[in-house]
Amino acid sequence: MNLSTLFTVILFISAILLIVLVLIQPDRSNGMSASMGLGGSNTVFGLSKDGGPLAKITKIVATIFIISALLLYLVKA
C-alpha cells in the first residue's frame, strides 16, 4: 500500500466520521432569531458552553481530516 492510498483511506474514513459526529451533536442555537441577533446572543458571540466530549472528538476528527487532505495533496504533487 503506497502513501496516497493510505491517506485516501484515512481521508474517507475521517470524512464519514465527521459527517456522523456533526449530525449527532445537539442543537445549540435558537434558530434563525439567534443568527440574526434577535435572541440568544450568547450563542451568536461564542459565549456558549464547550459542548462536552462529543465536540472535542469532532475537533480531533476534523483536524485529522484536514491534515490527511494536506498530506494527500503533498504526496500527489
Foldseek 3Di string as FASTA:
>chain_A
DDPLVVLVVLLVVLVVVLVVLVVPQDDDAPPPCCCVPNDPVCVNVVNDDPRPPSNVVNVVSVVSNVVSVVVSVVVVD
